[in-house]
């Protein structure tokens, strides 16, 4: 009977209208001072516009429907606000929805589109340095007093990409993804960056329980 009830019931909670307005996006966001812009979107306006220019014409923002999608700028604002929100996943979606005056499902839709567009840039932005960039890095390290690293062209380290939830219902299935030192489930990643924290190489195939040395051993840099 319970299963039949669930199949026959589209909504488990009563549908009620929620007051929303897009006034904050239309009237406030473009006037935010730098520190507040960084607080809401985790980057400077120049960086925001740079990313927008890169993804603005991506096919995910343009369809053949008679109803046009929302401006890619709005979709990027929404995605960045959601991803930069503190607290639980549900709270981030709800607060972003209320802030921009859109539905919670729309927040998820915009975020997914932006992620698709950003992923398409991976091979363009995560690349090894040119000879000129390597020389520039060596000079910066030398000038900063790190002469011991004068031949360094990259800094490598491992990091855990945490999952919000346990990936499998049963612990014996999920145990390989558990990093006991950090008490989180996730994937291990090996990252190489330069002295300005720009990522040059990224590799993630091992579960969270793997040691950094194990993750690094099969990689050919």
N, C-alpha and C. Protein backbone atom coordinates (compact mmCIF):
# COMPACT_ATOMS: atom_id res chain seq x y z
N UNK A 1 0.82 -1.21 0.00
CA UNK A 1 0.00 0.00 0.00
C UNK A 1 0.86 1.27 0.00
N UNK A 2 1.94 1.24 0.77
CA UNK A 2 2.83 2.40 0.81
C UNK A 2 3.45 2.65 -0.56
N UNK A 3 3.88 1.57 -1.24
CA UNK A 3 4.48 1.71 -2.55
C UNK A 3 3.47 2.27 -3.54
N UNK A 4 2.23 1.81 -3.47
CA UNK A 4 1.18 2.31 -4.36
C UNK A 4 0.93 3.80 -4.10
N UNK A 5 0.93 4.17 -2.82
CA UNK A 5 0.72 5.57 -2.46
C UNK A 5 1.82 6.45 -3.04
N UNK A 6 3.07 5.99 -2.95
CA UNK A 6 4.18 6.77 -3.47
C UNK A 6 4.10 6.91 -4.99
N UNK A 7 3.70 5.83 -5.67
CA UNK A 7 3.55 5.88 -7.12
C UNK A 7 2.43 6.84 -7.53
N UNK A 8 1.40 6.93 -6.73
CA UNK A 8 0.23 7.74 -7.08
C UNK A 8 0.36 9.20 -6.61
N UNK A 9 1.38 9.47 -5.82
CA UNK A 9 1.55 10.81 -5.25
C UNK A 9 2.73 11.50 -5.90
N UNK A 10 2.47 12.57 -6.58
CA UNK A 10 3.55 13.28 -7.26
C UNK A 10 4.38 14.10 -6.28
N UNK A 11 3.72 14.74 -5.31
CA UNK A 11 4.41 15.56 -4.33
C UNK A 11 4.08 15.04 -2.94
N UNK A 12 5.11 14.84 -2.12
CA UNK A 12 4.91 14.38 -0.76
C UNK A 12 4.64 15.54 0.19
N UNK A 13 4.98 16.75 -0.23
CA UNK A 13 4.70 17.93 0.58
C UNK A 13 3.73 18.84 -0.16
N UNK A 14 2.94 19.55 0.60
CA UNK A 14 1.96 20.46 0.01
C UNK A 14 2.67 21.54 -0.80
N UNK A 15 2.15 21.78 -1.99
CA UNK A 15 2.73 22.79 -2.87
C UNK A 15 2.21 24.17 -2.48
N UNK A 16 3.12 25.04 -2.07
CA UNK A 16 2.75 26.39 -1.70
C UNK A 16 3.61 27.39 -2.45
N UNK A 17 3.02 28.49 -2.84
CA UNK A 17 3.79 29.53 -3.50
C UNK A 17 4.74 30.21 -2.53
N UNK A 18 5.95 30.50 -2.99
CA UNK A 18 6.96 31.16 -2.16
C UNK A 18 7.31 32.49 -2.80
N UNK A 19 7.24 33.54 -2.02
CA UNK A 19 7.53 34.88 -2.54
C UNK A 19 9.00 34.99 -2.93
N UNK A 20 9.26 35.40 -4.15
CA UNK A 20 10.63 35.58 -4.63
C UNK A 20 10.69 36.86 -5.47
N UNK A 21 11.89 37.39 -5.59
CA UNK A 21 12.10 38.55 -6.44
C UNK A 21 13.51 38.51 -7.01
N UNK A 22 13.64 39.00 -8.24
CA UNK A 22 14.95 39.06 -8.86
C UNK A 22 15.62 40.41 -8.68
N UNK A 23 15.10 41.21 -7.74
CA UNK A 23 15.60 42.58 -7.57
C UNK A 23 17.07 42.61 -7.15
N UNK A 24 17.50 41.64 -6.34
CA UNK A 24 18.90 41.65 -5.88
C UNK A 24 19.85 41.52 -7.06
N UNK A 25 19.52 40.60 -7.98
CA UNK A 25 20.37 40.42 -9.16
C UNK A 25 20.28 41.63 -10.09
N UNK A 26 19.10 42.16 -10.27
CA UNK A 26 18.91 43.25 -11.22
C UNK A 26 19.44 44.59 -10.71
N UNK A 27 19.33 44.83 -9.41
CA UNK A 27 19.63 46.17 -8.88
C UNK A 27 20.85 46.25 -7.97
N UNK A 28 21.27 45.12 -7.41
CA UNK A 28 22.30 45.16 -6.38
C UNK A 28 23.62 44.56 -6.82
N UNK A 29 23.58 43.39 -7.46
CA UNK A 29 24.81 42.63 -7.69
C UNK A 29 25.84 43.42 -8.49
N UNK A 30 25.40 44.25 -9.42
CA UNK A 30 26.34 45.01 -10.25
C UNK A 30 26.96 46.20 -9.51
N UNK A 31 26.42 46.51 -8.35
CA UNK A 31 26.93 47.64 -7.56
C UNK A 31 27.70 47.18 -6.32
N UNK A 32 27.91 45.89 -6.20
CA UNK A 32 28.58 45.38 -5.00
C UNK A 32 30.02 45.87 -4.93
N UNK A 33 30.49 46.29 -3.76
CA UNK A 33 31.92 46.61 -3.61
C UNK A 33 32.74 45.33 -3.74
N UNK A 34 34.03 45.49 -3.99
CA UNK A 34 34.90 44.35 -4.28
C UNK A 34 34.86 43.29 -3.21
N UNK A 35 34.92 43.68 -1.94
CA UNK A 35 34.97 42.68 -0.87
C UNK A 35 33.68 41.87 -0.79
N UNK A 36 32.55 42.50 -1.05
CA UNK A 36 31.28 41.77 -1.02
C UNK A 36 31.12 40.89 -2.26
N UNK A 37 31.58 41.37 -3.40
CA UNK A 37 31.54 40.54 -4.61
C UNK A 37 32.35 39.27 -4.38
N UNK A 38 33.53 39.41 -3.80
CA UNK A 38 34.38 38.25 -3.52
C UNK A 38 33.72 37.32 -2.50
N UNK A 39 33.01 37.90 -1.53
CA UNK A 39 32.33 37.08 -0.54
C UNK A 39 31.24 36.23 -1.18
N UNK A 40 30.46 36.83 -2.06
CA UNK A 40 29.34 36.11 -2.66
C UNK A 40 29.79 35.12 -3.74
N UNK A 41 30.80 35.47 -4.53
CA UNK A 41 31.13 34.68 -5.71
C UNK A 41 32.55 34.11 -5.71
N UNK A 42 33.32 34.36 -4.65
CA UNK A 42 34.64 33.76 -4.44
C UNK A 42 35.67 34.13 -5.51
N UNK A 43 35.49 35.25 -6.15
CA UNK A 43 36.48 35.71 -7.14
C UNK A 43 36.28 37.20 -7.40
N UNK A 44 37.25 37.81 -8.07
CA UNK A 44 37.15 39.22 -8.45
C UNK A 44 36.26 39.39 -9.68
N UNK A 45 35.68 40.57 -9.87
CA UNK A 45 34.87 40.81 -11.07
C UNK A 45 35.62 40.54 -12.37
N UNK A 46 36.91 40.89 -12.42
CA UNK A 46 37.69 40.65 -13.64
C UNK A 46 37.77 39.16 -13.96
N UNK A 47 37.96 38.34 -12.93
CA UNK A 47 38.02 36.89 -13.13
C UNK A 47 36.66 36.36 -13.58
N UNK A 48 35.60 36.91 -13.01
CA UNK A 48 34.25 36.51 -13.41
C UNK A 48 34.02 36.79 -14.89
N UNK A 49 34.36 37.99 -15.33
CA UNK A 49 34.16 38.35 -16.74
C UNK A 49 35.04 37.53 -17.66
N UNK A 50 36.24 37.17 -17.21
CA UNK A 50 37.12 36.33 -18.01
C UNK A 50 36.50 34.96 -18.23
N UNK A 51 35.97 34.36 -17.16
CA UNK A 51 35.33 33.05 -17.28
C UNK A 51 34.09 33.14 -18.15
N UNK A 52 33.29 34.19 -17.94
CA UNK A 52 32.08 34.37 -18.73
C UNK A 52 32.39 34.43 -20.21
N UNK A 53 33.44 35.16 -20.58
CA UNK A 53 33.83 35.26 -21.99
C UNK A 53 34.23 33.91 -22.56
N UNK A 54 34.79 33.06 -21.72
CA UNK A 54 35.23 31.73 -22.17
C UNK A 54 34.06 30.78 -22.42
N UNK A 55 32.99 30.90 -21.62
CA UNK A 55 31.91 29.92 -21.71
C UNK A 55 30.64 30.48 -22.33
N UNK A 56 30.59 31.77 -22.59
CA UNK A 56 29.36 32.43 -23.02
C UNK A 56 28.71 31.79 -24.25
N UNK A 57 29.54 31.33 -25.19
CA UNK A 57 29.00 30.77 -26.43
C UNK A 57 28.92 29.25 -26.43
N UNK A 58 29.11 28.63 -25.28
CA UNK A 58 29.04 27.17 -25.22
C UNK A 58 27.62 26.70 -25.57
N UNK A 59 27.55 25.57 -26.25
CA UNK A 59 26.26 25.06 -26.73
C UNK A 59 25.27 24.77 -25.61
N UNK A 60 25.77 24.50 -24.41
CA UNK A 60 24.87 24.15 -23.31
C UNK A 60 23.96 25.31 -22.93
N UNK A 61 24.35 26.54 -23.28
CA UNK A 61 23.53 27.72 -22.98
C UNK A 61 22.61 28.12 -24.13
N UNK A 62 22.65 27.37 -25.20
CA UNK A 62 21.84 27.72 -26.38
C UNK A 62 21.13 26.46 -26.88
N UNK A 63 19.82 26.53 -27.00
CA UNK A 63 19.07 25.39 -27.50
C UNK A 63 18.13 25.82 -28.62
N UNK A 64 17.42 24.84 -29.17
CA UNK A 64 16.53 25.11 -30.30
C UNK A 64 15.10 25.41 -29.86
N UNK A 65 14.91 25.55 -28.57
CA UNK A 65 13.58 25.83 -28.05
C UNK A 65 13.16 27.26 -28.39
N UNK A 66 11.86 27.47 -28.50
CA UNK A 66 11.34 28.81 -28.76
C UNK A 66 11.57 29.73 -27.56
N UNK A 67 11.65 29.12 -26.36
CA UNK A 67 11.89 29.90 -25.15
C UNK A 67 13.38 29.96 -24.88
N UNK A 68 13.93 31.15 -24.95
CA UNK A 68 15.37 31.32 -24.74
C UNK A 68 15.75 31.02 -23.29
N UNK A 69 16.97 30.53 -23.15
CA UNK A 69 17.51 30.32 -21.81
C UNK A 69 17.80 31.67 -21.15
N UNK A 70 17.99 31.60 -19.85
CA UNK A 70 18.43 32.79 -19.12
C UNK A 70 19.83 33.18 -19.58
N UNK A 71 20.16 34.43 -19.42
CA UNK A 71 21.48 34.94 -19.78
C UNK A 71 22.57 34.09 -19.12
N UNK A 72 23.59 33.65 -19.88
CA UNK A 72 24.69 32.89 -19.28
C UNK A 72 25.33 33.60 -18.09
N UNK A 73 25.31 34.94 -18.09
CA UNK A 73 25.86 35.68 -16.95
C UNK A 73 25.10 35.35 -15.67
N UNK A 74 23.77 35.34 -15.76
CA UNK A 74 22.96 35.00 -14.60
C UNK A 74 23.23 33.57 -14.17
N UNK A 75 23.32 32.65 -15.12
CA UNK A 75 23.56 31.26 -14.79
C UNK A 75 24.91 31.07 -14.10
N UNK A 76 25.92 31.82 -14.54
CA UNK A 76 27.23 31.74 -13.90
C UNK A 76 27.19 32.33 -12.50
N UNK A 77 26.51 33.45 -12.33
CA UNK A 77 26.35 34.04 -11.00
C UNK A 77 25.71 33.03 -10.04
N UNK A 78 24.64 32.40 -10.49
CA UNK A 78 23.91 31.44 -9.66
C UNK A 78 24.80 30.26 -9.28
N UNK A 79 25.51 29.71 -10.27
CA UNK A 79 26.36 28.55 -10.01
C UNK A 79 27.48 28.89 -9.03
N UNK A 80 28.12 30.04 -9.21
CA UNK A 80 29.22 30.42 -8.33
C UNK A 80 28.72 30.68 -6.91
N UNK A 81 27.56 31.31 -6.80
CA UNK A 81 27.01 31.55 -5.46
C UNK A 81 26.68 30.24 -4.77
N UNK A 82 26.09 29.31 -5.51
CA UNK A 82 25.76 28.02 -4.90
C UNK A 82 27.03 27.28 -4.48
N UNK A 83 28.03 27.21 -5.36
CA UNK A 83 29.25 26.47 -5.06
C UNK A 83 30.07 27.14 -3.97
N UNK A 84 29.91 28.46 -3.83
CA UNK A 84 30.68 29.17 -2.82
C UNK A 84 29.96 29.34 -1.50
N UNK A 85 28.76 28.78 -1.39
CA UNK A 85 27.99 28.92 -0.15
C UNK A 85 28.49 27.95 0.91
N UNK A 86 28.48 28.40 2.13
CA UNK A 86 28.87 27.55 3.24
C UNK A 86 27.64 26.81 3.77
N UNK A 87 27.88 25.69 4.44
CA UNK A 87 26.78 24.92 5.00
C UNK A 87 26.42 23.74 4.14
N UNK A 88 25.24 23.18 4.38
CA UNK A 88 24.81 21.97 3.70
C UNK A 88 24.44 22.25 2.25
N UNK A 89 24.38 21.17 1.46
CA UNK A 89 24.02 21.29 0.05
C UNK A 89 22.62 21.87 -0.10
N UNK A 90 21.67 21.35 0.69
CA UNK A 90 20.29 21.83 0.61
C UNK A 90 20.16 23.29 0.96
N UNK A 91 20.88 23.72 1.99
CA UNK A 91 20.83 25.13 2.40
C UNK A 91 21.40 26.04 1.33
N UNK A 92 22.46 25.58 0.64
CA UNK A 92 23.07 26.39 -0.42
C UNK A 92 22.09 26.59 -1.57
N UNK A 93 21.38 25.54 -1.94
CA UNK A 93 20.41 25.64 -3.02
C UNK A 93 19.27 26.58 -2.63
N UNK A 94 18.76 26.41 -1.42
CA UNK A 94 17.63 27.23 -0.98
C UNK A 94 18.01 28.70 -0.87
N UNK A 95 19.15 29.00 -0.27
CA UNK A 95 19.55 30.40 -0.10
C UNK A 95 19.84 31.06 -1.45
N UNK A 96 20.45 30.31 -2.38
CA UNK A 96 20.72 30.85 -3.71
C UNK A 96 19.42 31.10 -4.47
N UNK A 97 18.48 30.17 -4.32
CA UNK A 97 17.17 30.32 -4.95
C UNK A 97 16.47 31.59 -4.48
N UNK A 98 16.48 31.81 -3.18
CA UNK A 98 15.82 32.99 -2.62
C UNK A 98 16.53 34.27 -3.02
N UNK A 99 17.86 34.22 -3.06
CA UNK A 99 18.64 35.42 -3.37
C UNK A 99 18.39 35.91 -4.79
N UNK A 100 18.28 34.97 -5.74
CA UNK A 100 18.13 35.35 -7.15
C UNK A 100 16.68 35.34 -7.62
N UNK A 101 15.76 34.92 -6.75
CA UNK A 101 14.36 34.93 -7.13
C UNK A 101 14.00 33.88 -8.16
N UNK A 102 14.62 32.69 -8.07
CA UNK A 102 14.34 31.59 -9.00
C UNK A 102 14.03 30.33 -8.20
N UNK A 103 13.54 29.30 -8.89
CA UNK A 103 13.23 28.05 -8.23
C UNK A 103 14.47 27.27 -7.83
N UNK A 104 14.32 26.39 -6.85
CA UNK A 104 15.45 25.58 -6.40
C UNK A 104 15.92 24.62 -7.50
N UNK A 105 14.98 24.09 -8.26
CA UNK A 105 15.37 23.24 -9.38
C UNK A 105 16.14 24.00 -10.44
N UNK A 106 15.79 25.28 -10.61
CA UNK A 106 16.50 26.12 -11.58
C UNK A 106 17.94 26.36 -11.14
N UNK A 107 18.16 26.49 -9.84
CA UNK A 107 19.52 26.64 -9.32
C UNK A 107 20.37 25.43 -9.71
N UNK A 108 19.81 24.24 -9.53
CA UNK A 108 20.54 23.01 -9.89
C UNK A 108 20.78 22.93 -11.40
N UNK A 109 19.78 23.33 -12.18
CA UNK A 109 19.91 23.30 -13.64
C UNK A 109 21.02 24.24 -14.11
N UNK A 110 21.02 25.46 -13.60
CA UNK A 110 22.05 26.42 -13.99
C UNK A 110 23.44 25.93 -13.58
N UNK A 111 23.54 25.36 -12.38
CA UNK A 111 24.83 24.85 -11.90
C UNK A 111 25.35 23.75 -12.81
N UNK A 112 24.47 22.83 -13.19
CA UNK A 112 24.88 21.73 -14.07
C UNK A 112 25.37 22.25 -15.42
N UNK A 113 24.67 23.23 -15.96
CA UNK A 113 25.08 23.80 -17.26
C UNK A 113 26.45 24.45 -17.15
N UNK A 114 26.66 25.22 -16.10
CA UNK A 114 27.94 25.90 -15.93
C UNK A 114 29.06 24.88 -15.76
N UNK A 115 28.81 23.81 -15.03
CA UNK A 115 29.83 22.77 -14.85
C UNK A 115 30.20 22.11 -16.18
N UNK A 116 29.20 21.87 -17.02
CA UNK A 116 29.47 21.30 -18.35
C UNK A 116 30.36 22.25 -19.15
N UNK A 117 30.03 23.53 -19.12
CA UNK A 117 30.81 24.51 -19.87
C UNK A 117 32.24 24.62 -19.33
N UNK A 118 32.39 24.61 -18.02
CA UNK A 118 33.72 24.72 -17.42
C UNK A 118 34.57 23.49 -17.72
N UNK A 119 33.95 22.32 -17.70
CA UNK A 119 34.70 21.09 -17.99
C UNK A 119 35.26 21.09 -19.40
N UNK A 120 34.58 21.76 -20.31
CA UNK A 120 35.06 21.80 -21.70
C UNK A 120 36.35 22.61 -21.83
N UNK A 121 36.68 23.39 -20.81
CA UNK A 121 37.90 24.22 -20.84
C UNK A 121 39.11 23.51 -20.25
N UNK A 122 38.92 22.30 -19.73
CA UNK A 122 39.99 21.63 -18.98
C UNK A 122 41.29 21.55 -19.77
N UNK A 123 41.21 21.03 -20.99
CA UNK A 123 42.44 20.84 -21.77
C UNK A 123 43.08 22.16 -22.19
N UNK A 124 42.31 23.24 -22.12
CA UNK A 124 42.84 24.55 -22.49
C UNK A 124 43.57 25.23 -21.33
N UNK A 125 43.07 25.02 -20.11
CA UNK A 125 43.62 25.77 -18.98
C UNK A 125 44.56 24.94 -18.10
N UNK A 126 44.38 23.62 -18.08
CA UNK A 126 45.27 22.76 -17.28
C UNK A 126 46.34 22.22 -18.23
N UNK A 127 47.40 22.98 -18.41
CA UNK A 127 48.45 22.64 -19.38
C UNK A 127 49.82 22.94 -18.77
N UNK A 128 50.82 22.25 -19.30
CA UNK A 128 52.18 22.48 -18.83
C UNK A 128 52.68 23.84 -19.30
N UNK A 129 53.65 24.36 -18.58
CA UNK A 129 54.20 25.68 -18.89
C UNK A 129 55.00 25.66 -20.19
N UNK A 130 55.05 26.79 -20.83
CA UNK A 130 55.95 26.99 -21.96
C UNK A 130 57.36 27.24 -21.41
N UNK A 131 58.39 27.10 -22.23
CA UNK A 131 59.76 27.39 -21.74
C UNK A 131 59.88 28.78 -21.13
N UNK A 132 59.19 29.76 -21.71
CA UNK A 132 59.24 31.12 -21.17
C UNK A 132 58.59 31.18 -19.78
N UNK A 133 57.50 30.47 -19.60
CA UNK A 133 56.82 30.46 -18.30
C UNK A 133 57.66 29.75 -17.24
N UNK A 134 58.37 28.70 -17.65
CA UNK A 134 59.27 28.01 -16.70
C UNK A 134 60.38 28.95 -16.24
N UNK A 135 60.96 29.68 -17.18
CA UNK A 135 62.02 30.63 -16.82
C UNK A 135 61.48 31.72 -15.88
N UNK A 136 60.27 32.17 -16.16
CA UNK A 136 59.67 33.21 -15.31
C UNK A 136 59.44 32.70 -13.90
N UNK A 137 59.03 31.43 -13.79
CA UNK A 137 58.81 30.84 -12.46
C UNK A 137 60.13 30.74 -11.69
N UNK A 138 61.17 30.31 -12.37
CA UNK A 138 62.48 30.22 -11.72
C UNK A 138 62.93 31.59 -11.21
N UNK A 139 62.70 32.61 -12.02
CA UNK A 139 63.09 33.97 -11.62
C UNK A 139 62.31 34.43 -10.40
N UNK A 140 61.02 34.14 -10.38
CA UNK A 140 60.19 34.55 -9.23
C UNK A 140 60.66 33.85 -7.96
N UNK A 141 60.96 32.56 -8.06
CA UNK A 141 61.42 31.82 -6.88
C UNK A 141 62.76 32.36 -6.40
N UNK A 142 63.64 32.67 -7.35
CA UNK A 142 64.96 33.20 -6.99
C UNK A 142 64.81 34.56 -6.30
N UNK A 143 63.98 35.42 -6.86
CA UNK A 143 63.79 36.76 -6.31
C UNK A 143 63.11 36.74 -4.95
N UNK A 144 62.34 35.67 -4.70
CA UNK A 144 61.66 35.54 -3.41
C UNK A 144 62.55 34.91 -2.34
N UNK A 145 63.80 34.59 -2.72
CA UNK A 145 64.73 34.02 -1.75
C UNK A 145 64.73 32.51 -1.70
N UNK A 146 64.11 31.86 -2.69
CA UNK A 146 64.07 30.40 -2.73
C UNK A 146 65.03 29.87 -3.79
N UNK A 147 66.28 30.26 -3.69
CA UNK A 147 67.27 29.86 -4.68
C UNK A 147 67.45 28.35 -4.74
N UNK A 148 67.18 27.67 -3.62
CA UNK A 148 67.32 26.22 -3.58
C UNK A 148 66.38 25.55 -4.57
N UNK A 149 65.31 26.25 -4.95
CA UNK A 149 64.35 25.71 -5.91
C UNK A 149 64.52 26.35 -7.28
N UNK A 150 65.72 26.78 -7.59
CA UNK A 150 65.95 27.52 -8.84
C UNK A 150 65.67 26.70 -10.09
N UNK A 151 65.69 25.37 -9.98
CA UNK A 151 65.40 24.51 -11.14
C UNK A 151 63.99 23.93 -11.07
N UNK A 152 63.21 24.40 -10.14
CA UNK A 152 61.85 23.87 -9.96
C UNK A 152 60.92 24.39 -11.06
N UNK A 153 60.14 23.49 -11.62
CA UNK A 153 59.17 23.89 -12.64
C UNK A 153 57.74 23.53 -12.22
N UNK A 154 57.58 22.99 -11.01
CA UNK A 154 56.24 22.63 -10.55
C UNK A 154 56.27 22.08 -9.14
N UNK A 155 55.17 22.23 -8.42
CA UNK A 155 55.03 21.70 -7.07
C UNK A 155 53.94 20.65 -7.09
N UNK A 156 54.24 19.44 -6.60
CA UNK A 156 53.29 18.33 -6.66
C UNK A 156 52.85 17.94 -5.25
N UNK A 157 51.58 17.60 -5.13
CA UNK A 157 51.06 17.13 -3.85
C UNK A 157 49.77 16.37 -4.10
N UNK A 158 49.39 15.59 -3.12
CA UNK A 158 48.12 14.87 -3.18
C UNK A 158 47.07 15.58 -2.35
N UNK A 159 45.82 15.41 -2.73
CA UNK A 159 44.74 16.03 -1.97
C UNK A 159 43.51 15.14 -2.06
N UNK A 160 42.64 15.27 -1.09
CA UNK A 160 41.39 14.50 -1.07
C UNK A 160 40.26 15.36 -1.60
N UNK A 161 39.52 14.81 -2.56
CA UNK A 161 38.30 15.46 -3.04
C UNK A 161 37.14 14.80 -2.31
N UNK A 162 36.60 15.46 -1.29
CA UNK A 162 35.61 14.79 -0.42
C UNK A 162 34.24 14.64 -1.07
N UNK A 163 33.58 13.54 -0.72
CA UNK A 163 32.18 13.33 -1.09
C UNK A 163 31.30 13.92 0.01
N UNK A 164 30.13 14.36 -0.37
CA UNK A 164 29.19 14.87 0.63
C UNK A 164 28.61 13.71 1.44
N UNK A 165 28.39 12.57 0.77
CA UNK A 165 27.82 11.41 1.44
C UNK A 165 28.66 10.18 1.18
N UNK A 166 28.40 9.13 1.93
CA UNK A 166 29.04 7.84 1.71
C UNK A 166 28.59 7.32 0.34
N UNK A 167 29.51 6.85 -0.51
CA UNK A 167 29.15 6.50 -1.88
C UNK A 167 28.31 5.23 -2.02
N UNK A 168 28.35 4.35 -1.02
CA UNK A 168 27.55 3.12 -1.06
C UNK A 168 26.80 2.99 0.26
N UNK A 169 25.61 2.35 0.24
CA UNK A 169 24.84 2.22 1.49
C UNK A 169 25.58 1.44 2.57
N UNK A 170 26.30 0.39 2.17
CA UNK A 170 26.97 -0.47 3.15
C UNK A 170 28.44 -0.06 3.30
N UNK A 171 28.90 -0.05 4.56
CA UNK A 171 30.26 0.39 4.85
C UNK A 171 31.30 -0.50 4.19
N UNK A 172 31.04 -1.82 4.12
CA UNK A 172 32.04 -2.71 3.52
C UNK A 172 32.24 -2.45 2.03
N UNK A 173 31.27 -1.81 1.37
CA UNK A 173 31.41 -1.45 -0.04
C UNK A 173 32.08 -0.08 -0.19
N UNK A 174 31.88 0.78 0.80
CA UNK A 174 32.38 2.15 0.70
C UNK A 174 33.75 2.35 1.34
N UNK A 175 34.25 1.32 2.05
CA UNK A 175 35.44 1.49 2.88
C UNK A 175 36.66 1.96 2.09
N UNK A 176 36.78 1.52 0.82
CA UNK A 176 37.95 1.92 0.05
C UNK A 176 37.98 3.42 -0.25
N UNK A 177 36.81 4.06 -0.16
CA UNK A 177 36.75 5.50 -0.43
C UNK A 177 36.93 6.34 0.84
N UNK A 178 37.10 5.68 1.98
CA UNK A 178 37.21 6.42 3.25
C UNK A 178 38.66 6.76 3.56
N UNK A 179 38.91 8.05 3.75
CA UNK A 179 40.21 8.52 4.19
C UNK A 179 40.14 8.67 5.70
N UNK A 180 40.80 7.74 6.42
CA UNK A 180 40.65 7.72 7.87
C UNK A 180 41.37 8.89 8.53
N UNK A 181 42.42 9.39 7.92
CA UNK A 181 43.14 10.53 8.51
C UNK A 181 42.26 11.78 8.53
N UNK A 182 41.44 11.94 7.49
CA UNK A 182 40.57 13.12 7.40
C UNK A 182 39.12 12.79 7.73
N UNK A 183 38.85 11.50 7.98
CA UNK A 183 37.50 11.06 8.35
C UNK A 183 36.45 11.49 7.33
N UNK A 184 36.80 11.34 6.06
CA UNK A 184 35.88 11.69 4.98
C UNK A 184 35.95 10.64 3.89
N UNK A 185 34.86 10.49 3.13
CA UNK A 185 34.86 9.68 1.91
C UNK A 185 35.23 10.58 0.74
N UNK A 186 35.94 10.00 -0.24
CA UNK A 186 36.28 10.82 -1.39
C UNK A 186 37.22 10.13 -2.35
N UNK A 187 37.77 10.91 -3.27
CA UNK A 187 38.76 10.44 -4.24
C UNK A 187 40.08 11.16 -3.98
N UNK A 188 41.18 10.42 -4.14
CA UNK A 188 42.49 11.04 -4.04
C UNK A 188 42.86 11.67 -5.38
N UNK A 189 43.49 12.81 -5.35
CA UNK A 189 43.93 13.48 -6.57
C UNK A 189 45.39 13.88 -6.43
N UNK A 190 46.11 13.80 -7.53
CA UNK A 190 47.49 14.29 -7.59
C UNK A 190 47.49 15.56 -8.43
N UNK A 191 48.01 16.63 -7.86
CA UNK A 191 47.96 17.94 -8.51
C UNK A 191 49.36 18.54 -8.59
N UNK A 192 49.69 19.08 -9.76
CA UNK A 192 50.94 19.83 -9.93
C UNK A 192 50.55 21.28 -10.23
N UNK A 193 51.17 22.22 -9.52
CA UNK A 193 50.88 23.63 -9.77
C UNK A 193 52.18 24.42 -9.81
N UNK A 194 52.09 25.66 -10.25
CA UNK A 194 53.27 26.52 -10.26
C UNK A 194 53.30 27.35 -8.97
N UNK A 195 54.23 28.28 -8.88
CA UNK A 195 54.38 29.06 -7.65
C UNK A 195 53.25 30.05 -7.42
N UNK A 196 52.39 30.24 -8.41
CA UNK A 196 51.24 31.14 -8.26
C UNK A 196 49.94 30.35 -8.12
N UNK A 197 50.09 29.05 -7.82
CA UNK A 197 48.94 28.16 -7.57
C UNK A 197 48.11 27.89 -8.82
N UNK A 198 48.67 28.08 -10.00
CA UNK A 198 47.97 27.72 -11.24
C UNK A 198 48.19 26.24 -11.50
N UNK A 199 47.11 25.50 -11.67
CA UNK A 199 47.19 24.05 -11.84
C UNK A 199 47.73 23.72 -13.23
N UNK A 200 48.77 22.88 -13.26
CA UNK A 200 49.42 22.48 -14.51
C UNK A 200 49.06 21.05 -14.90
N UNK A 201 48.72 20.23 -13.90
CA UNK A 201 48.44 18.82 -14.15
C UNK A 201 47.49 18.34 -13.07
N UNK A 202 46.53 17.48 -13.47
CA UNK A 202 45.55 16.95 -12.52
C UNK A 202 45.26 15.50 -12.87
N UNK A 203 45.29 14.63 -11.86
CA UNK A 203 45.01 13.21 -12.09
C UNK A 203 44.28 12.66 -10.87
N UNK A 204 43.13 12.02 -11.11
CA UNK A 204 42.36 11.47 -9.99
C UNK A 204 41.64 10.20 -10.42
N UNK A 205 42.19 9.05 -10.02
CA UNK A 205 41.54 7.77 -10.31
C UNK A 205 41.50 6.85 -9.09
N UNK A 206 42.22 7.20 -8.04
CA UNK A 206 42.31 6.32 -6.87
C UNK A 206 41.30 6.72 -5.79
N UNK A 207 40.78 5.73 -5.05
CA UNK A 207 39.83 6.03 -3.97
C UNK A 207 40.52 6.73 -2.80
N UNK A 208 39.71 7.27 -1.91
CA UNK A 208 40.22 8.10 -0.82
C UNK A 208 41.15 7.41 0.15
N UNK A 209 41.11 6.09 0.23
CA UNK A 209 41.97 5.37 1.18
C UNK A 209 43.41 5.25 0.68
N UNK A 210 43.67 5.60 -0.57
CA UNK A 210 44.99 5.42 -1.17
C UNK A 210 45.99 6.45 -0.64
N UNK A 211 47.23 6.00 -0.44
CA UNK A 211 48.31 6.89 0.00
C UNK A 211 48.78 7.73 -1.19
N UNK A 212 49.29 8.92 -0.89
CA UNK A 212 49.78 9.80 -1.95
C UNK A 212 50.82 9.12 -2.84
N UNK A 213 51.71 8.33 -2.22
CA UNK A 213 52.78 7.67 -2.98
C UNK A 213 52.21 6.68 -3.98
N UNK A 214 51.16 5.98 -3.60
CA UNK A 214 50.53 5.02 -4.52
C UNK A 214 49.88 5.75 -5.69
N UNK A 215 49.25 6.88 -5.41
CA UNK A 215 48.60 7.65 -6.48
C UNK A 215 49.62 8.24 -7.44
N UNK A 216 50.79 8.58 -6.91
CA UNK A 216 51.80 9.24 -7.73
C UNK A 216 52.58 8.25 -8.59
N UNK A 217 52.72 7.00 -8.13
CA UNK A 217 53.62 6.04 -8.79
C UNK A 217 53.31 5.76 -10.26
N UNK A 218 52.04 5.63 -10.69
CA UNK A 218 51.80 5.30 -12.11
C UNK A 218 51.80 6.51 -13.05
N UNK A 219 51.95 7.71 -12.50
CA UNK A 219 51.86 8.92 -13.31
C UNK A 219 53.19 9.21 -13.99
N UNK A 220 53.12 9.50 -15.27
CA UNK A 220 54.32 9.87 -16.03
C UNK A 220 54.29 11.37 -16.30
N UNK A 221 55.11 12.08 -15.55
CA UNK A 221 55.15 13.53 -15.70
C UNK A 221 56.26 13.94 -16.66
